């Protein structure tokens, strides 16, 4: 078991205090012995030395011997009592004061390490944010004397500020570039459509126009995906209760014609599952997952989607048949512009951002997403979102779409 820094500091304080106390007892014992020996010598010189008058030499020798015996007895008793008091009571006092010193050392070590705990807590909150750049706006802002801990906190704040500016500039660049690219693509599509629908347009021109429109549509989907990805990686500021079952039912009804045309069977199973978030973004999640299941499927395949509450979570499952997917390829599916080898063509229906957008939106809502390949082929996606209490009134995604339409 590895001791914490606070425990190690406290243990160090306690050991140093005990060592100092034992040394102090030893020095006191040596000084006591020296002082007692000097007192004995002076006493004997004063009371048993030559010059005792009125006594014969024989009587003087007897008195001196008796005096020495009595003095030695008294000295032994005094020495034993002093040693007992010094060692026994001194040791007890040393242990009591040592325990108090360990307690004070624990408090002092905690007080000294409080700024470090603050730095650690801030770093842990940032590291635990749903996205890598989600908590970079937070600062430690440690106040106090200009010591080593204060310099560490200020350096950490400077690093966070630079990273925050870098990520924010990257998001603004993606959003601005996507907005700027939409205008020429819209203009190019209009010009191609005008050229195709002219009466004098030849069949070759019409076929070329159809190809150009397909490429243009793919580029538009790519730019729309970049915009949505940039938006979903930001913090969700407007949250409201949303019933995922309503979203699944709505998106499944919209996707049903495409599934019928492709000969794919779609099955839905819903139960009331209320979470808190942005209804439009969550609708995009379900739409991207269903489109992914339809596009990467086999003839006469199937797609199943279900949502249900589970303890404190809302679980959304999307399973589809399809070609076999190697397990090592699954993590790459969530990276932007990453597809399987069979999907890397210019005229592919997707832009390579579908699952990246899904992952970014789910993480922005504080949820998790996991994917696992099916042994028979296809993919099983499991999304977990925080569940909202049952007394919260869910918001319809249709109301959000109507509100967006009025804003436009």
Protein backbone atom coordinates (compact mmCIF):
# COMPACT_ATOMS: atom_id res chain seq x y z
CA UNK A 1 0.00 0.00 0.00
CA UNK A 2 1.48 3.30 -1.10
CA UNK A 3 1.22 6.14 1.41
CA UNK A 4 0.01 9.55 0.32
CA UNK A 5 2.30 12.56 0.36
CA UNK A 6 0.46 13.93 3.38
CA UNK A 7 0.94 10.66 5.28
CA UNK A 8 4.63 10.54 4.35
CA UNK A 9 5.16 14.13 5.53
CA UNK A 10 3.34 13.40 8.80
CA UNK A 11 5.38 10.24 9.33
CA UNK A 12 8.57 12.20 8.68
CA UNK A 13 7.56 14.88 11.21
CA UNK A 14 6.75 12.23 13.82
CA UNK A 15 9.97 10.25 13.36
CA UNK A 16 12.12 13.38 13.49
CA UNK A 17 10.35 14.54 16.65
CA UNK A 18 10.81 11.15 18.36
CA UNK A 19 14.48 11.01 17.39
CA UNK A 20 14.99 14.53 18.76
CA UNK A 21 13.13 13.58 21.97
CA UNK A 22 15.23 10.45 22.51
CA UNK A 23 18.42 12.45 21.99
CA UNK A 24 17.16 15.05 24.46
CA UNK A 25 16.48 12.35 27.07
CA UNK A 26 19.95 10.88 26.51
CA UNK A 27 21.67 14.24 26.89
CA UNK A 28 19.61 14.98 30.02
CA UNK A 29 20.59 11.61 31.51
CA UNK A 30 24.33 12.19 30.86
CA UNK A 31 24.20 15.70 32.32
CA UNK A 32 22.33 14.40 35.37
CA UNK A 33 24.95 11.71 35.95
CA UNK A 34 27.77 14.24 35.70
CA UNK A 35 26.05 16.67 38.05
CA UNK A 36 25.31 13.90 40.57
CA UNK A 37 28.95 12.73 40.53
CA UNK A 38 30.24 16.26 41.09
CA UNK A 39 27.85 16.74 44.01
CA UNK A 40 29.01 13.50 45.60
CA UNK A 41 32.62 14.51 45.31
CA UNK A 42 32.04 17.93 46.90
CA UNK A 43 29.95 16.43 49.71
CA UNK A 44 32.57 13.84 50.61
CA UNK A 45 35.36 16.41 50.51
CA UNK A 46 33.44 18.70 52.82
CA UNK A 47 32.14 16.23 55.43
CA UNK A 48 34.70 13.44 55.49
CA UNK A 49 37.95 15.21 54.76
CA UNK A 50 40.87 15.81 57.22
CA UNK A 51 40.52 18.39 59.97
CA UNK A 52 37.82 16.74 62.04
CA UNK A 53 38.73 17.76 65.60
CA UNK A 54 38.10 16.06 68.95
CA UNK A 55 38.23 12.58 67.51
CA UNK A 56 40.80 9.85 67.54
CA UNK A 57 42.01 8.54 64.21
CA UNK A 58 40.16 5.29 64.83
CA UNK A 59 36.89 7.01 65.64
CA UNK A 60 37.35 9.26 62.61
CA UNK A 61 37.79 6.26 60.34
CA UNK A 62 34.62 4.66 61.66
CA UNK A 63 32.62 7.85 61.27
CA UNK A 64 33.97 8.32 57.76
CA UNK A 65 33.11 4.77 56.79
CA UNK A 66 29.62 5.07 58.24
CA UNK A 67 29.13 8.40 56.52
CA UNK A 68 30.25 6.97 53.19
CA UNK A 69 27.90 4.00 53.59
CA UNK A 70 24.91 6.20 54.39
CA UNK A 71 25.79 8.56 51.60
CA UNK A 72 26.11 5.76 49.08
CA UNK A 73 22.74 4.40 50.11
CA UNK A 74 21.12 7.79 49.80
CA UNK A 75 22.92 8.36 46.54
CA UNK A 76 21.72 5.01 45.16
CA UNK A 77 18.12 5.68 46.15
CA UNK A 78 18.28 9.17 44.73
CA UNK A 79 19.91 7.90 41.54
CA UNK A 80 17.31 5.14 41.07
CA UNK A 81 14.43 7.53 41.71
CA UNK A 82 15.88 10.10 39.34
CA UNK A 83 16.53 7.55 36.61
CA UNK A 84 13.05 6.06 36.99
CA UNK A 85 11.47 9.46 36.84
CA UNK A 86 13.62 10.58 33.94
CA UNK A 87 13.27 7.50 31.78
CA UNK A 88 9.77 6.29 32.65
CA UNK A 89 7.91 9.53 33.03
CA UNK A 90 10.05 11.20 30.38
CA UNK A 91 9.29 8.41 27.91
CA UNK A 92 5.57 8.65 28.64
CA UNK A 93 5.68 12.40 28.19
CA UNK A 94 7.70 11.97 25.00
CA UNK A 95 5.15 9.55 23.56
CA UNK A 96 2.24 11.81 24.51
CA UNK A 97 3.87 14.89 23.04
CA UNK A 98 4.97 12.83 20.02
CA UNK A 99 1.37 11.78 19.36
CA UNK A 100 0.30 15.41 19.59
CA UNK A 101 3.14 16.36 17.25
CA UNK A 102 1.99 13.73 14.73
CA UNK A 103 -1.56 15.13 14.88
CA UNK A 104 -0.34 18.69 14.40
CA UNK A 105 1.96 17.46 11.65
CA UNK A 106 -1.04 15.90 9.86
CA UNK A 107 -2.95 19.19 10.07
CA UNK A 108 0.04 21.27 8.97
CA UNK A 109 0.81 18.91 6.06
CA UNK A 110 -2.83 19.13 4.95
CA UNK A 111 -2.70 22.92 5.13
CA UNK A 112 0.52 23.02 3.11
CA UNK A 113 -0.83 20.60 0.48
CA UNK A 114 -4.19 22.37 0.07
CA UNK A 115 -3.01 24.41 -2.97
CA UNK A 116 -1.70 21.22 -4.58
CA UNK A 117 -5.08 19.55 -4.01
CA UNK A 118 -6.70 22.51 -5.74
CA UNK A 119 -4.41 22.10 -8.74
CA UNK A 120 -5.12 18.36 -8.81
CA UNK A 121 -8.90 18.83 -8.57
CA UNK A 122 -8.89 21.33 -11.42
CA UNK A 123 -6.79 19.05 -13.61
CA UNK A 124 -9.08 16.10 -12.76
CA UNK A 125 -12.21 18.07 -13.71
CA UNK A 126 -10.68 19.11 -17.02
CA UNK A 127 -9.47 15.58 -17.76
CA UNK A 128 -12.92 14.21 -16.92
CA UNK A 129 -14.74 16.61 -19.24
CA UNK A 130 -16.78 14.96 -22.01
CA UNK A 131 -14.51 16.50 -24.66
CA UNK A 132 -10.80 17.22 -24.49
CA UNK A 133 -11.31 21.00 -24.70
CA UNK A 134 -14.52 21.21 -22.67
CA UNK A 135 -13.12 22.45 -19.35
CA UNK A 136 -10.22 24.56 -20.60
CA UNK A 137 -12.01 27.77 -19.63
CA UNK A 138 -11.55 26.90 -15.94
CA UNK A 139 -8.65 28.45 -14.03
CA UNK A 140 -7.05 27.73 -10.66
CA UNK A 141 -6.48 31.42 -9.82
CA UNK A 142 -4.50 30.51 -6.69
CA UNK A 143 -3.94 33.36 -4.25
CA UNK A 144 -1.20 33.57 -1.67
CA UNK A 145 2.53 34.19 -1.33
CA UNK A 146 4.74 33.83 -4.35
CA UNK A 147 6.14 30.38 -3.57
CA UNK A 148 6.73 27.21 -5.55
CA UNK A 149 3.08 26.11 -5.39
CA UNK A 150 1.88 29.52 -6.58
CA UNK A 151 4.30 29.38 -9.51
CA UNK A 152 3.05 25.88 -10.40
CA UNK A 153 -0.60 27.03 -10.34
CA UNK A 154 0.16 30.13 -12.44
CA UNK A 155 2.07 28.03 -14.98
CA UNK A 156 -0.87 25.61 -15.17
CA UNK A 157 -3.28 28.53 -15.72
CA UNK A 158 -1.08 29.90 -18.50
CA UNK A 159 -1.04 26.50 -20.21
CA UNK A 160 -4.85 26.23 -19.97
CA UNK A 161 -5.30 29.70 -21.40
CA UNK A 162 -3.12 28.96 -24.41
CA UNK A 163 -4.84 25.63 -25.04
CA UNK A 164 -8.26 27.26 -24.71
CA UNK A 165 -7.35 29.93 -27.26
CA UNK A 166 -5.98 27.27 -29.59
CA UNK A 167 -9.10 25.07 -29.46
CA UNK A 168 -11.43 28.04 -29.69
CA UNK A 169 -9.57 29.36 -32.73
CA UNK A 170 -9.77 25.94 -34.33
CA UNK A 171 -13.53 25.74 -33.81
CA UNK A 172 -14.05 29.26 -35.18
CA UNK A 173 -11.93 28.44 -38.21
CA UNK A 174 -13.96 25.31 -39.00
CA UNK A 175 -17.24 27.17 -38.56
CA UNK A 176 -16.17 30.18 -40.63
CA UNK A 177 -14.66 28.04 -43.37
CA UNK A 178 -17.79 25.91 -43.56
CA UNK A 179 -20.01 28.99 -43.80
CA UNK A 180 -17.81 30.51 -46.50
CA UNK A 181 -17.82 27.29 -48.54
CA UNK A 182 -21.59 26.97 -48.50
CA UNK A 183 -22.12 30.00 -50.76
CA UNK A 184 -20.04 28.83 -53.77
CA UNK A 185 -21.47 25.32 -53.49
CA UNK A 186 -25.02 26.65 -53.52
CA UNK A 187 -24.19 28.87 -56.47
CA UNK A 188 -22.51 25.99 -58.32
CA UNK A 189 -25.52 23.74 -57.77
CA UNK A 190 -27.86 26.40 -59.13
CA UNK A 191 -25.71 26.87 -62.25
CA UNK A 192 -25.52 23.11 -62.87
CA UNK A 193 -29.28 22.75 -62.49
CA UNK A 194 -29.87 25.63 -64.88
CA UNK A 195 -27.56 24.03 -67.48
CA UNK A 196 -29.23 20.64 -67.09
CA UNK A 197 -32.77 21.92 -67.49
CA UNK A 198 -32.18 23.96 -70.62
CA UNK A 199 -34.08 22.71 -73.64
CA UNK A 200 -30.88 22.65 -75.68
CA UNK A 201 -29.02 20.50 -73.13
CA UNK A 202 -27.73 17.27 -74.66
CA UNK A 203 -27.92 13.89 -72.88
CA UNK A 204 -24.19 14.08 -72.19
CA UNK A 205 -24.62 17.43 -70.47
CA UNK A 206 -27.47 16.04 -68.37
CA UNK A 207 -25.44 13.01 -67.30
CA UNK A 208 -22.49 15.27 -66.48
CA UNK A 209 -24.83 17.54 -64.52
CA UNK A 210 -26.17 14.62 -62.51
CA UNK A 211 -22.65 13.55 -61.64
CA UNK A 212 -21.72 17.09 -60.65
CA UNK A 213 -24.84 17.40 -58.52
CA UNK A 214 -23.96 14.18 -56.70
CA UNK A 215 -20.47 15.47 -55.98
CA UNK A 216 -21.87 18.86 -54.97
CA UNK A 217 -24.41 17.19 -52.64
CA UNK A 218 -21.62 15.20 -51.01
CA UNK A 219 -19.62 18.38 -50.44
CA UNK A 220 -22.68 20.06 -48.95
CA UNK A 221 -23.15 17.14 -46.58
CA UNK A 222 -19.49 17.36 -45.66
CA UNK A 223 -19.75 21.08 -44.83
CA UNK A 224 -22.99 20.56 -42.91
CA UNK A 225 -21.28 17.80 -40.95
CA UNK A 226 -18.33 20.06 -40.15
CA UNK A 227 -20.68 22.75 -38.89
CA UNK A 228 -22.60 20.30 -36.75
CA UNK A 229 -19.39 18.74 -35.45
CA UNK A 230 -18.04 22.18 -34.47
CA UNK A 231 -21.33 22.97 -32.75
CA UNK A 232 -21.66 19.68 -30.91
CA UNK A 233 -18.13 19.91 -29.52
CA UNK A 234 -19.10 23.10 -27.71
CA UNK A 235 -20.80 23.11 -24.34
CA UNK A 236 -24.57 22.51 -24.49
CA UNK A 237 -25.88 25.74 -22.95
CA UNK A 238 -29.61 25.25 -23.57
CA UNK A 239 -30.93 22.05 -22.04
CA UNK A 240 -34.47 20.77 -21.69
CA UNK A 241 -36.10 17.41 -20.92
CA UNK A 242 -36.35 15.33 -24.10
CA UNK A 243 -38.10 11.98 -24.56
CA UNK A 244 -35.77 9.85 -26.66
CA UNK A 245 -38.72 7.59 -27.57
CA UNK A 246 -40.41 10.49 -29.43
CA UNK A 247 -37.21 11.15 -31.35
CA UNK A 248 -36.79 7.49 -32.31
CA UNK A 249 -40.39 7.25 -33.51
CA UNK A 250 -40.14 10.45 -35.56
CA UNK A 251 -36.80 9.65 -37.21
CA UNK A 252 -37.82 6.04 -37.91
CA UNK A 253 -40.96 7.22 -39.72
CA UNK A 254 -38.86 9.58 -41.84
CA UNK A 255 -36.30 6.89 -42.66
CA UNK A 256 -38.85 4.18 -43.42
CA UNK A 257 -39.19 5.06 -47.17
CA UNK A 258 -35.44 4.82 -47.68
CA UNK A 259 -35.34 1.48 -45.86
CA UNK A 260 -38.26 0.15 -47.91
CA UNK A 261 -36.60 1.23 -51.15
CA UNK A 262 -33.39 -0.55 -50.14
CA UNK A 263 -35.26 -3.70 -49.13
CA UNK A 264 -34.18 -3.43 -45.50
CA UNK A 265 -36.50 -4.25 -42.61
CA UNK A 266 -36.63 -1.68 -39.81
CA UNK A 267 -37.80 -2.60 -36.31
CA UNK A 268 -38.38 -0.15 -33.46
CA UNK A 269 -39.04 -0.76 -29.78
CA UNK A 270 -39.51 2.29 -27.56
CA UNK A 271 -40.34 3.06 -23.97
CA UNK A 272 -40.50 6.47 -22.33
CA UNK A 273 -36.92 7.50 -21.71
CA UNK A 274 -36.45 11.14 -20.76
CA UNK A 275 -33.05 12.79 -20.78
CA UNK A 276 -31.90 16.41 -20.68
CA UNK A 277 -30.26 18.08 -23.65
CA UNK A 278 -30.73 19.59 -27.08
CA UNK A 279 -33.58 17.90 -28.96
CA UNK A 280 -32.26 18.78 -32.42
CA UNK A 281 -28.79 17.40 -31.69
CA UNK A 282 -30.22 14.21 -30.21
CA UNK A 283 -32.42 13.85 -33.29
CA UNK A 284 -29.29 14.09 -35.43
CA UNK A 285 -27.76 11.28 -33.35
CA UNK A 286 -30.67 8.92 -34.09
CA UNK A 287 -30.75 9.97 -37.73
CA UNK A 288 -27.04 9.37 -38.26
CA UNK A 289 -27.19 5.98 -36.57
CA UNK A 290 -30.14 4.84 -38.67
CA UNK A 291 -28.57 6.13 -41.89
CA UNK A 292 -25.33 4.37 -40.99
CA UNK A 293 -27.23 1.13 -40.42
CA UNK A 294 -29.07 1.43 -43.74
CA UNK A 295 -26.07 2.40 -45.86
CA UNK A 296 -23.70 -0.23 -44.49
CA UNK A 297 -26.01 -3.19 -44.80
CA UNK A 298 -26.70 -6.12 -47.07
CA UNK A 299 -29.58 -6.93 -49.39
CA UNK A 300 -32.68 -8.00 -47.43
CA UNK A 301 -30.97 -6.90 -44.26
CA UNK A 302 -32.47 -5.41 -41.11
CA UNK A 303 -32.00 -2.57 -38.62
CA UNK A 304 -33.29 -2.61 -35.05
CA UNK A 305 -33.48 0.45 -32.81
CA UNK A 306 -34.75 0.58 -29.26
CA UNK A 307 -34.65 2.92 -26.28
CA UNK A 308 -35.46 2.25 -22.65
CA UNK A 309 -34.74 3.59 -19.16
CA UNK A 310 -32.26 1.69 -17.02
CA UNK A 311 -31.65 2.76 -13.42
CA UNK A 312 -30.33 6.33 -13.71
CA UNK A 313 -29.61 6.12 -17.45
CA UNK A 314 -31.36 6.15 -20.80
CA UNK A 315 -30.10 3.41 -23.13
CA UNK A 316 -30.38 3.63 -26.92
CA UNK A 317 -29.49 0.49 -28.92
CA UNK A 318 -29.05 0.39 -32.69
CA UNK A 319 -28.20 -2.96 -34.30
CA UNK A 320 -27.94 -3.76 -37.98
CA UNK A 321 -26.95 -6.61 -40.22
CA UNK A 322 -24.19 -6.10 -42.73
CA UNK A 323 -20.73 -7.16 -43.77
CA UNK A 324 -18.32 -8.47 -41.17
CA UNK A 325 -16.28 -5.76 -39.44
CA UNK A 326 -12.91 -6.57 -37.84
CA UNK A 327 -12.86 -5.60 -34.17
CA UNK A 328 -9.69 -3.54 -34.62
CA UNK A 329 -11.48 -1.36 -37.19
CA UNK A 330 -14.26 -0.30 -34.80
CA UNK A 331 -12.40 2.49 -32.91
CA UNK A 332 -11.41 4.11 -36.22
CA UNK A 333 -15.07 4.45 -37.23
CA UNK A 334 -15.49 7.32 -34.75
CA UNK A 335 -12.62 9.33 -36.21
CA UNK A 336 -13.49 12.11 -38.70
CA UNK A 337 -13.18 11.15 -42.38
CA UNK A 338 -12.39 7.53 -41.48
CA UNK A 339 -14.25 4.77 -43.32
CA UNK A 340 -13.71 1.13 -44.01
CA UNK A 341 -11.71 0.31 -47.10
CA UNK A 342 -14.83 -0.58 -49.08
CA UNK A 343 -16.37 2.87 -48.48
CA UNK A 344 -13.47 5.07 -49.60
CA UNK A 345 -14.91 6.32 -52.87
CA UNK A 346 -15.62 9.85 -54.02
CA UNK A 347 -19.30 9.21 -54.68
CA UNK A 348 -19.94 7.58 -51.33
CA UNK A 349 -23.24 8.57 -49.73
CA UNK A 350 -21.66 9.65 -46.47
CA UNK A 351 -19.06 12.29 -45.72
CA UNK A 352 -17.18 10.24 -43.14
CA UNK A 353 -18.43 12.38 -40.25
CA UNK A 354 -21.60 10.56 -39.16
CA UNK A 355 -20.27 8.61 -36.21
CA UNK A 356 -17.84 11.41 -35.28
CA UNK A 357 -20.81 13.75 -34.97
CA UNK A 358 -22.71 11.17 -32.94
CA UNK A 359 -19.82 10.72 -30.54
CA UNK A 360 -19.31 14.48 -30.12
CA UNK A 361 -23.01 15.09 -29.42
CA UNK A 362 -23.26 12.22 -26.94
CA UNK A 363 -20.16 13.38 -25.07
CA UNK A 364 -21.51 16.94 -24.98
CA UNK A 365 -24.62 15.54 -23.26
CA UNK A 366 -22.53 13.70 -20.67
CA UNK A 367 -23.19 10.26 -22.15
CA UNK A 368 -21.17 7.41 -23.55
CA UNK A 369 -21.22 5.44 -26.80
CA UNK A 370 -19.87 1.97 -27.48
CA UNK A 371 -19.75 -0.12 -30.64
CA UNK A 372 -19.20 -3.84 -31.06
CA UNK A 373 -19.13 -5.91 -34.26
CA UNK A 374 -21.66 -8.72 -34.54
CA UNK A 375 -20.26 -12.23 -35.21
CA UNK A 376 -22.72 -12.64 -38.10
CA UNK A 377 -21.83 -9.25 -39.56
CA UNK A 378 -22.98 -5.73 -38.89
CA UNK A 379 -22.61 -3.51 -35.86
CA UNK A 380 -24.23 -3.06 -32.47
CA UNK A 381 -24.21 0.50 -31.06
CA UNK A 382 -25.09 1.26 -27.44
CA UNK A 383 -25.60 4.84 -26.24
CA UNK A 384 -26.05 5.75 -22.59
CA UNK A 385 -27.39 9.16 -21.50
CA UNK A 386 -28.17 10.54 -18.03
CA UNK A 387 -31.80 10.02 -17.15
CA UNK A 388 -34.05 12.94 -16.18
CA UNK A 389 -36.47 12.53 -13.24
CA UNK A 390 -39.94 11.37 -14.23
CA UNK A 391 -41.66 14.59 -13.04
CA UNK A 392 -39.78 16.70 -15.64
CA UNK A 393 -41.88 17.66 -18.67
CA UNK A 394 -40.20 16.43 -21.91
CA UNK A 395 -39.86 18.79 -24.83
CA UNK A 396 -40.87 17.77 -28.31
CA UNK A 397 -38.17 17.96 -30.98
CA UNK A 398 -40.84 19.11 -33.43
CA UNK A 399 -41.26 22.33 -31.43
CA UNK A 400 -37.51 22.94 -31.72
CA UNK A 401 -37.61 22.40 -35.49
CA UNK A 402 -40.52 24.82 -35.83
CA UNK A 403 -38.67 27.39 -33.73
CA UNK A 404 -35.59 27.05 -35.90
CA UNK A 405 -37.75 27.42 -39.02
CA UNK A 406 -39.24 30.66 -37.67
CA UNK A 407 -35.74 31.99 -36.91
CA UNK A 408 -34.70 31.34 -40.49
